[in-house]
């Protein structure tokens, strides 16, 4: 009989990674469901209802997000991450109007997540502090798209990236003031009015 230790049979391909992948998928389902329910029904939605909509057990939600504040922050951070990915894709293209596409998407995302952003503000959470890398990446892509739009004379020549970010923040406030958070048509109209202000003025 050989003194070599008995070899364990090889694990099925992907077996060890499956729970981790399942956990990631479940977390994504919870985030999507939470974002949709918060936008449609407000922040009072019970975690159990979020679990039902996501198709997972209540324990899964509580395991990933032990408090609602944790879930608010995760929803807002996920929104920012998706905006950065969209901005990166737009920056990789050559469309001089891509800046307007991105700014419109940023304003729409802000309107959809207005309740979450208000809750984070009340809790003194600032995404620029909590997720500084994502915030910096988004600003960098906005600046890149602004340079392209300026070179094509698609925007006012005196516009800066910081001013654009301030206008986006102002759009959130305008949409809230008008009570248009739940109306994509009204919030898009307000966003369009704001974006018209950054286009070149006649005679320039």
Protein backbone atom coordinates (compact mmCIF):
# COMPACT_ATOMS: atom_id res chain seq x y z
CA UNK A 1 0.00 0.00 0.00
CA UNK A 2 1.44 3.31 -0.99
CA UNK A 3 2.34 5.89 1.64
CA UNK A 4 1.11 8.71 -0.55
CA UNK A 5 -1.95 10.51 0.77
CA UNK A 6 -5.14 9.59 -0.98
CA UNK A 7 -6.04 12.19 -3.56
CA UNK A 8 -9.42 13.88 -3.31
CA UNK A 9 -11.55 13.67 -6.45
CA UNK A 10 -11.49 16.92 -8.39
CA UNK A 11 -14.38 19.26 -7.66
CA UNK A 12 -16.88 19.85 -10.38
CA UNK A 13 -15.93 22.78 -12.55
CA UNK A 14 -17.08 26.03 -10.97
CA UNK A 15 -18.49 24.37 -7.82
CA UNK A 16 -16.44 26.44 -5.36
CA UNK A 17 -17.24 29.71 -7.09
CA UNK A 18 -20.98 29.08 -7.50
CA UNK A 19 -22.10 30.35 -4.08
CA UNK A 20 -20.11 33.54 -4.56
CA UNK A 21 -21.62 34.08 -8.01
CA UNK A 22 -25.11 33.33 -6.65
CA UNK A 23 -24.57 35.84 -3.86
CA UNK A 24 -23.56 38.50 -6.37
CA UNK A 25 -26.60 37.81 -8.52
CA UNK A 26 -28.90 37.93 -5.50
CA UNK A 27 -27.41 41.22 -4.39
CA UNK A 28 -27.96 42.67 -7.87
CA UNK A 29 -31.58 41.50 -7.85
CA UNK A 30 -32.13 43.14 -4.48
CA UNK A 31 -30.57 46.42 -5.65
CA UNK A 32 -32.71 46.50 -8.83
CA UNK A 33 -35.88 45.72 -6.88
CA UNK A 34 -35.07 48.28 -4.18
CA UNK A 35 -34.36 51.01 -6.70
CA UNK A 36 -37.63 50.38 -8.54
CA UNK A 37 -39.73 50.19 -5.38
CA UNK A 38 -38.13 53.24 -3.76
CA UNK A 39 -38.78 55.24 -6.94
CA UNK A 40 -42.38 54.07 -7.26
CA UNK A 41 -43.52 53.84 -3.63
CA UNK A 42 -41.04 55.78 -1.52
CA UNK A 43 -38.64 54.72 1.18
CA UNK A 44 -41.26 53.13 3.43
CA UNK A 45 -41.27 49.90 1.41
CA UNK A 46 -40.62 46.99 3.82
CA UNK A 47 -37.49 44.95 3.25
CA UNK A 48 -39.67 41.84 3.01
CA UNK A 49 -41.49 43.37 0.01
CA UNK A 50 -38.13 44.15 -1.61
CA UNK A 51 -37.14 40.52 -1.07
CA UNK A 52 -40.40 39.32 -2.65
CA UNK A 53 -39.91 41.55 -5.70
CA UNK A 54 -36.30 40.41 -6.04
CA UNK A 55 -37.30 36.75 -5.84
CA UNK A 56 -35.11 36.03 -2.80
CA UNK A 57 -35.78 35.22 0.84
CA UNK A 58 -35.97 37.99 3.47
CA UNK A 59 -32.85 36.57 5.09
CA UNK A 60 -30.88 37.23 1.90
CA UNK A 61 -31.81 40.92 1.99
CA UNK A 62 -30.98 41.25 5.68
CA UNK A 63 -27.69 39.42 5.19
CA UNK A 64 -26.52 41.81 2.48
CA UNK A 65 -28.15 44.93 3.93
CA UNK A 66 -28.63 44.71 7.72
CA UNK A 67 -30.16 48.21 7.86
CA UNK A 68 -32.19 50.25 5.39
CA UNK A 69 -29.55 52.98 5.43
CA UNK A 70 -27.08 50.40 4.13
CA UNK A 71 -29.46 49.59 1.30
CA UNK A 72 -30.01 53.29 0.48
CA UNK A 73 -26.26 53.79 0.19
CA UNK A 74 -25.83 50.66 -1.92
CA UNK A 75 -28.60 51.75 -4.33
CA UNK A 76 -27.06 55.21 -4.74
CA UNK A 77 -23.54 53.83 -5.18
CA UNK A 78 -24.77 51.30 -7.74
CA UNK A 79 -26.48 54.10 -9.65
CA UNK A 80 -23.21 56.03 -9.69
CA UNK A 81 -21.28 52.95 -10.83
CA UNK A 82 -23.66 52.42 -13.75
CA UNK A 83 -23.41 56.07 -14.74
CA UNK A 84 -19.61 55.80 -14.77
CA UNK A 85 -19.82 52.74 -17.02
CA UNK A 86 -22.16 54.59 -19.39
CA UNK A 87 -19.91 57.65 -19.35
CA UNK A 88 -16.88 55.51 -20.16
CA UNK A 89 -18.67 53.96 -23.14
CA UNK A 90 -19.74 57.38 -24.42
CA UNK A 91 -16.22 58.79 -23.96
CA UNK A 92 -14.84 55.92 -26.04
CA UNK A 93 -17.00 56.98 -28.98
CA UNK A 94 -16.67 60.04 -31.17
CA UNK A 95 -20.08 61.68 -30.95
CA UNK A 96 -19.77 65.37 -29.98
CA UNK A 97 -23.35 65.27 -28.68
CA UNK A 98 -22.52 62.45 -26.25
CA UNK A 99 -22.20 65.02 -23.46
CA UNK A 100 -25.93 65.78 -23.71
CA UNK A 101 -26.73 62.05 -23.67
CA UNK A 102 -24.75 61.57 -20.48
CA UNK A 103 -26.10 64.67 -18.73
CA UNK A 104 -29.67 63.65 -19.60
CA UNK A 105 -29.03 60.19 -18.16
CA UNK A 106 -27.49 61.67 -15.02
CA UNK A 107 -30.51 63.91 -14.47
CA UNK A 108 -32.93 61.04 -15.10
CA UNK A 109 -31.06 58.81 -12.67
CA UNK A 110 -31.10 61.57 -10.08
CA UNK A 111 -34.86 62.01 -10.50
CA UNK A 112 -35.46 58.26 -10.22
CA UNK A 113 -33.40 58.11 -7.03
CA UNK A 114 -34.48 61.43 -5.52
CA UNK A 115 -35.94 59.81 -2.39
CA UNK A 116 -32.78 57.78 -1.80
CA UNK A 117 -30.55 60.81 -2.29
CA UNK A 118 -32.69 62.82 0.15
CA UNK A 119 -32.38 60.06 2.74
CA UNK A 120 -28.61 59.97 2.34
CA UNK A 121 -28.43 63.75 2.66
CA UNK A 122 -30.51 63.62 5.83
CA UNK A 123 -28.16 60.96 7.20
CA UNK A 124 -25.19 63.18 6.22
CA UNK A 125 -23.91 60.73 3.61
CA UNK A 126 -22.12 62.25 0.63
CA UNK A 127 -21.35 59.97 -2.30
CA UNK A 128 -18.31 62.09 -3.13
CA UNK A 129 -16.94 61.05 0.26
CA UNK A 130 -18.29 57.50 0.39
CA UNK A 131 -17.31 56.63 -3.19
CA UNK A 132 -14.64 59.19 -4.12
CA UNK A 133 -13.16 57.07 -6.91
CA UNK A 134 -16.49 56.71 -8.72
CA UNK A 135 -17.33 60.38 -8.30
CA UNK A 136 -13.92 61.39 -9.65
CA UNK A 137 -14.26 59.01 -12.61
CA UNK A 138 -17.66 60.45 -13.52
CA UNK A 139 -16.36 64.01 -13.35
CA UNK A 140 -13.34 63.03 -15.48
CA UNK A 141 -15.57 61.54 -18.19
CA UNK A 142 -17.85 64.59 -18.12
CA UNK A 143 -14.78 66.77 -18.60
CA UNK A 144 -13.60 64.62 -21.53
CA UNK A 145 -17.00 64.78 -23.22
CA UNK A 146 -17.16 68.52 -22.58
CA UNK A 147 -13.81 69.01 -24.34
CA UNK A 148 -15.10 67.08 -27.35
CA UNK A 149 -18.37 69.04 -27.44
CA UNK A 150 -16.48 72.34 -27.09
CA UNK A 151 -14.17 71.42 -29.97
CA UNK A 152 -17.24 70.73 -32.12
CA UNK A 153 -18.81 74.02 -30.95
CA UNK A 154 -21.78 72.08 -29.59
CA UNK A 155 -21.68 73.87 -26.23
CA UNK A 156 -20.95 77.33 -24.89
CA UNK A 157 -17.19 77.98 -24.95
CA UNK A 158 -17.17 79.38 -21.40
CA UNK A 159 -18.59 76.23 -19.80
CA UNK A 160 -16.53 74.23 -17.28
CA UNK A 161 -16.91 70.68 -15.97
CA UNK A 162 -17.48 71.94 -12.42
CA UNK A 163 -20.30 74.16 -13.68
CA UNK A 164 -21.85 71.19 -15.47
CA UNK A 165 -21.80 69.10 -12.30
CA UNK A 166 -23.38 72.01 -10.43
CA UNK A 167 -26.12 72.25 -13.07
CA UNK A 168 -26.86 68.54 -12.71
CA UNK A 169 -27.20 68.97 -8.95
CA UNK A 170 -29.42 71.99 -9.59
CA UNK A 171 -31.57 69.89 -11.92
CA UNK A 172 -32.24 67.44 -9.07
CA UNK A 173 -33.44 70.33 -6.91
CA UNK A 174 -35.63 71.71 -9.72
CA UNK A 175 -37.21 68.31 -10.37
CA UNK A 176 -37.96 67.88 -6.66
CA UNK A 177 -39.36 71.42 -6.38
CA UNK A 178 -41.70 70.72 -9.30
CA UNK A 179 -42.75 67.39 -7.78
CA UNK A 180 -41.70 65.69 -10.99
CA UNK A 181 -39.67 62.82 -9.51
CA UNK A 182 -42.25 60.20 -10.53
CA UNK A 183 -42.94 61.63 -13.99
CA UNK A 184 -40.28 60.84 -16.56
CA UNK A 185 -41.94 63.18 -19.05
CA UNK A 186 -41.92 66.19 -16.71
CA UNK A 187 -38.45 65.53 -15.34
CA UNK A 188 -37.08 65.09 -18.87
CA UNK A 189 -38.72 68.38 -19.89
CA UNK A 190 -37.04 70.20 -17.00
CA UNK A 191 -33.72 68.57 -17.82
CA UNK A 192 -34.10 69.67 -21.44
CA UNK A 193 -34.67 73.27 -20.38
CA UNK A 194 -31.48 73.18 -18.32
CA UNK A 195 -29.47 71.58 -21.13
CA UNK A 196 -30.67 74.21 -23.59
CA UNK A 197 -28.82 76.73 -21.45
CA UNK A 198 -25.43 75.17 -22.21
CA UNK A 199 -25.85 75.22 -25.99
CA UNK A 200 -24.07 77.95 -27.98
CA UNK A 201 -25.82 81.29 -27.97
CA UNK A 202 -26.85 82.78 -31.34
CA UNK A 203 -24.11 84.94 -32.80
CA UNK A 204 -21.30 83.18 -30.85
